[in-house]
Amino acid sequence: IPDEATVYQTAKSSNPEYQVLGVREDIGSESIRVASGARKPVVAAVGQYQVVSQTNNLEFNNAHYPGMSYVGLQVSVPLFTGLGNQAKVKQAQAAYQQSTLVRQYSEENLRSVVHEVIARNRESAARLETTRTVLETAQLSYNIIQYRYQSGIASRLELTDAELALSTSQVNYLEAIYDYLTAQIQLNKLMGVAG
């Protein structure tokens, strides 16, 4: 069973849900930058080239096609926009803070889930070992009682009790195997490992 830090880092890096949260936080940061940029002057280059012709009777072969072009610069200086830009910046900052808090909450929730899954794996492994020991003991006890019964020393009731104890320990062992495999599947799913 790997340690919690390894499982946490693997789950965080391989789980698409947590990767999306990081991307959302980056988008929020860029939204603040874009909203802040609306308060700055903008310089744009503009250019156009046209070919225009006028003709009568649709005689395009004999028509003259003069070219016309222009190039220019456009400067836009936002003097006052009704405080709309400030509101957009504050809205973008709030969205960024919200995405940051969602990411932090998700990471803390992931830490809790990792701790729970690791604890469940350790508990199921310990239970598996214990039930295996109990099964071996019940098998040994059954073998002894069966030998005693065949020798005429033990009663049928003792043999039946030993069979019941053996069957119960076998069922408990199979349940422990099931719990262990279930815990392993949860751990692999959390880490994004197939199998």
Protein backbone atom coordinates (compact mmCIF):
# COMPACT_ATOMS: atom_id res chain seq x y z
CA ILE A 1 0.00 0.00 0.00
CA PRO A 2 1.62 3.29 -1.09
CA ASP A 3 1.90 6.22 1.30
CA GLU A 4 -0.68 9.02 1.32
CA ALA A 5 1.57 11.65 -0.28
CA THR A 6 2.27 9.44 -3.28
CA VAL A 7 -1.40 8.56 -3.73
CA TYR A 8 -2.40 12.23 -3.36
CA GLN A 9 0.09 13.46 -5.96
CA THR A 10 -0.78 10.66 -8.39
CA ALA A 11 -4.53 11.23 -7.99
CA LYS A 12 -4.14 14.98 -8.40
CA SER A 13 -2.02 14.69 -11.53
CA SER A 14 -3.91 11.87 -13.26
CA ASN A 15 -7.51 12.76 -12.41
CA PRO A 16 -9.05 15.00 -15.12
CA GLU A 17 -11.42 16.68 -12.64
CA TYR A 18 -8.52 18.23 -10.73
CA GLN A 19 -6.74 19.20 -13.94
CA VAL A 20 -9.88 21.07 -15.06
CA LEU A 21 -9.91 23.00 -11.78
CA GLY A 22 -6.36 24.18 -12.42
CA VAL A 23 -7.29 25.26 -15.94
CA ARG A 24 -10.32 27.18 -14.63
CA GLU A 25 -8.09 29.02 -12.21
CA ASP A 26 -5.73 29.94 -15.06
CA ILE A 27 -8.70 31.15 -17.13
CA GLY A 28 -9.82 33.33 -14.22
CA SER A 29 -6.35 34.86 -13.98
CA GLU A 30 -6.34 35.62 -17.71
CA SER A 31 -9.86 37.09 -17.45
CA ILE A 32 -8.56 39.61 -14.91
CA ARG A 33 -5.74 40.53 -17.26
CA VAL A 34 -8.13 40.96 -20.20
CA ALA A 35 -10.58 43.05 -18.16
CA SER A 36 -7.73 45.23 -16.89
CA GLY A 37 -6.49 45.70 -20.44
CA ALA A 38 -9.77 47.35 -21.48
CA ARG A 39 -8.70 50.45 -19.48
CA LYS A 40 -5.58 50.97 -21.60
CA PRO A 41 -5.32 52.77 -24.94
CA VAL A 42 -5.59 50.61 -28.06
CA VAL A 43 -3.69 51.21 -31.30
CA ALA A 44 -4.87 49.35 -34.40
CA ALA A 45 -3.55 49.35 -37.95
CA VAL A 46 -6.21 49.43 -40.64
CA GLY A 47 -5.78 48.79 -44.36
CA GLN A 48 -7.94 48.04 -47.37
CA TYR A 49 -7.55 47.59 -51.14
CA GLN A 50 -10.54 47.60 -53.54
CA VAL A 51 -11.06 47.16 -57.23
CA VAL A 52 -14.22 48.94 -58.41
CA SER A 53 -15.81 49.19 -61.84
CA GLN A 54 -18.91 50.69 -63.31
CA THR A 55 -20.21 49.53 -66.67
CA ASN A 56 -23.30 49.84 -68.79
CA ASN A 57 -25.08 46.92 -70.42
CA LEU A 58 -22.97 44.38 -68.51
CA GLU A 59 -19.92 44.83 -70.74
CA PHE A 60 -17.29 43.79 -68.23
CA ASN A 61 -14.65 42.99 -70.87
CA ASN A 62 -14.32 46.62 -71.91
CA ALA A 63 -14.69 48.06 -68.41
CA HIS A 64 -11.96 49.94 -66.57
CA TYR A 65 -11.02 48.51 -63.12
CA PRO A 66 -9.32 51.25 -61.09
CA GLY A 67 -7.72 50.23 -57.79
CA MET A 68 -8.28 52.09 -54.57
CA SER A 69 -6.40 51.57 -51.31
CA TYR A 70 -5.83 53.15 -47.96
CA VAL A 71 -3.79 52.47 -44.84
CA GLY A 72 -4.22 54.08 -41.47
CA LEU A 73 -3.84 53.88 -37.71
CA GLN A 74 -6.70 53.95 -35.28
CA VAL A 75 -6.08 55.02 -31.69
CA SER A 76 -8.76 54.47 -29.06
CA VAL A 77 -8.30 56.08 -25.64
CA PRO A 78 -10.94 55.14 -23.07
CA LEU A 79 -11.51 58.32 -21.06
CA PHE A 80 -14.67 57.36 -19.20
CA THR A 81 -16.71 54.22 -19.72
CA GLY A 82 -19.24 54.63 -16.95
CA LEU A 83 -17.21 52.53 -14.49
CA GLY A 84 -18.02 49.46 -16.60
CA ASN A 85 -14.38 48.41 -16.86
CA GLN A 86 -13.90 48.56 -13.10
CA ALA A 87 -16.98 46.40 -12.64
CA LYS A 88 -15.65 43.88 -15.19
CA VAL A 89 -12.29 43.75 -13.39
CA LYS A 90 -13.98 43.19 -10.03
CA GLN A 91 -16.22 40.52 -11.53
CA ALA A 92 -13.19 38.76 -13.03
CA GLN A 93 -11.37 38.96 -9.68
CA ALA A 94 -14.39 37.46 -7.91
CA ALA A 95 -14.57 34.63 -10.46
CA TYR A 96 -10.84 33.99 -9.99
CA GLN A 97 -11.18 33.90 -6.20
CA GLN A 98 -14.12 31.55 -6.52
CA SER A 99 -12.19 29.17 -8.79
CA THR A 100 -9.24 29.29 -6.37
CA LEU A 101 -11.49 28.42 -3.43
CA VAL A 102 -13.13 25.59 -5.38
CA ARG A 103 -9.70 24.19 -6.22
CA GLN A 104 -8.53 24.44 -2.60
CA TYR A 105 -11.72 22.79 -1.35
CA SER A 106 -11.35 20.01 -3.91
CA GLU A 107 -7.74 19.42 -2.92
CA GLU A 108 -8.65 19.21 0.77
CA ASN A 109 -11.51 16.87 -0.10
CA LEU A 110 -9.07 14.76 -2.12
CA ARG A 111 -6.71 14.61 0.87
CA SER A 112 -9.60 13.35 2.99
CA VAL A 113 -10.59 10.74 0.41
CA VAL A 114 -6.97 9.59 0.04
CA HIS A 115 -6.64 9.23 3.82
CA GLU A 116 -9.89 7.24 3.97
CA VAL A 117 -8.94 4.95 1.08
CA ILE A 118 -5.46 4.27 2.48
CA ALA A 119 -6.94 3.54 5.92
CA ARG A 120 -9.50 1.19 4.35
CA ASN A 121 -6.72 -0.60 2.47
CA ARG A 122 -4.61 -1.04 5.60
CA GLU A 123 -7.61 -2.21 7.62
CA SER A 124 -8.67 -4.69 4.95
CA ALA A 125 -5.11 -6.05 4.65
CA ALA A 126 -4.91 -6.51 8.43
CA ARG A 127 -8.34 -8.15 8.48
CA LEU A 128 -7.31 -10.46 5.64
CA GLU A 129 -4.22 -11.56 7.56
CA THR A 130 -6.23 -12.10 10.75
CA THR A 131 -8.97 -14.11 9.04
CA ARG A 132 -6.32 -16.20 7.27
CA THR A 133 -4.80 -17.05 10.65
CA VAL A 134 -8.26 -17.86 12.07
CA LEU A 135 -8.99 -20.07 9.05
CA GLU A 136 -5.73 -21.97 9.52
CA THR A 137 -6.53 -22.43 13.20
CA ALA A 138 -10.09 -23.60 12.44
CA GLN A 139 -8.74 -26.05 9.83
CA LEU A 140 -6.23 -27.43 12.31
CA SER A 141 -8.91 -27.70 14.99
CA TYR A 142 -11.24 -29.48 12.57
CA ASN A 143 -8.50 -31.94 11.58
CA ILE A 144 -7.78 -32.73 15.24
CA ILE A 145 -11.48 -33.17 16.12
CA GLN A 146 -12.04 -35.31 13.01
CA TYR A 147 -9.10 -37.55 14.01
CA ARG A 148 -10.49 -37.76 17.55
CA TYR A 149 -13.96 -38.59 16.18
CA GLN A 150 -12.54 -41.34 13.95
CA SER A 151 -10.67 -42.69 16.97
CA GLY A 152 -13.89 -42.68 18.99
CA ILE A 153 -12.72 -40.09 21.51
CA ALA A 154 -14.85 -37.11 20.31
CA SER A 155 -18.62 -36.94 19.83
CA ARG A 156 -20.51 -36.11 16.65
CA LEU A 157 -21.54 -32.79 18.24
CA GLU A 158 -17.89 -31.75 18.63
CA LEU A 159 -17.24 -32.64 14.98
CA THR A 160 -20.30 -30.65 13.87
CA ASP A 161 -19.17 -27.65 15.94
CA ALA A 162 -15.70 -27.86 14.36
CA GLU A 163 -17.27 -28.03 10.87
CA LEU A 164 -19.41 -24.98 11.67
CA ALA A 165 -16.39 -23.07 12.97
CA LEU A 166 -14.42 -24.01 9.84
CA SER A 167 -17.27 -22.96 7.51
CA THR A 168 -17.70 -19.67 9.37
CA SER A 169 -13.99 -18.91 9.20
CA GLN A 170 -13.97 -19.75 5.47
CA VAL A 171 -16.88 -17.34 4.88
CA ASN A 172 -15.14 -14.64 6.94
CA TYR A 173 -11.94 -15.20 4.95
CA LEU A 174 -13.77 -14.85 1.64
CA GLU A 175 -15.45 -11.65 2.87
CA ALA A 176 -12.04 -10.31 3.90
CA ILE A 177 -10.68 -11.10 0.43
CA TYR A 178 -13.66 -9.31 -1.13
CA ASP A 179 -13.15 -6.25 1.11
CA TYR A 180 -9.43 -6.21 0.34
CA LEU A 181 -10.00 -6.38 -3.42
CA THR A 182 -12.70 -3.70 -3.21
CA ALA A 183 -10.32 -1.42 -1.29
CA GLN A 184 -7.59 -2.07 -3.89
CA ILE A 185 -9.99 -1.20 -6.72
CA GLN A 186 -10.93 2.06 -4.97
CA LEU A 187 -7.26 2.91 -4.53
CA ASN A 188 -6.48 2.17 -8.18
CA LYS A 189 -9.49 4.16 -9.34
CA LEU A 190 -8.43 7.12 -7.20
CA MET A 191 -4.91 6.98 -8.58
CA GLY A 192 -6.16 6.54 -12.14
CA VAL A 193 -4.45 3.17 -12.51
CA ALA A 194 -6.15 0.54 -14.66
CA GLY A 195 -6.48 -2.94 -13.27
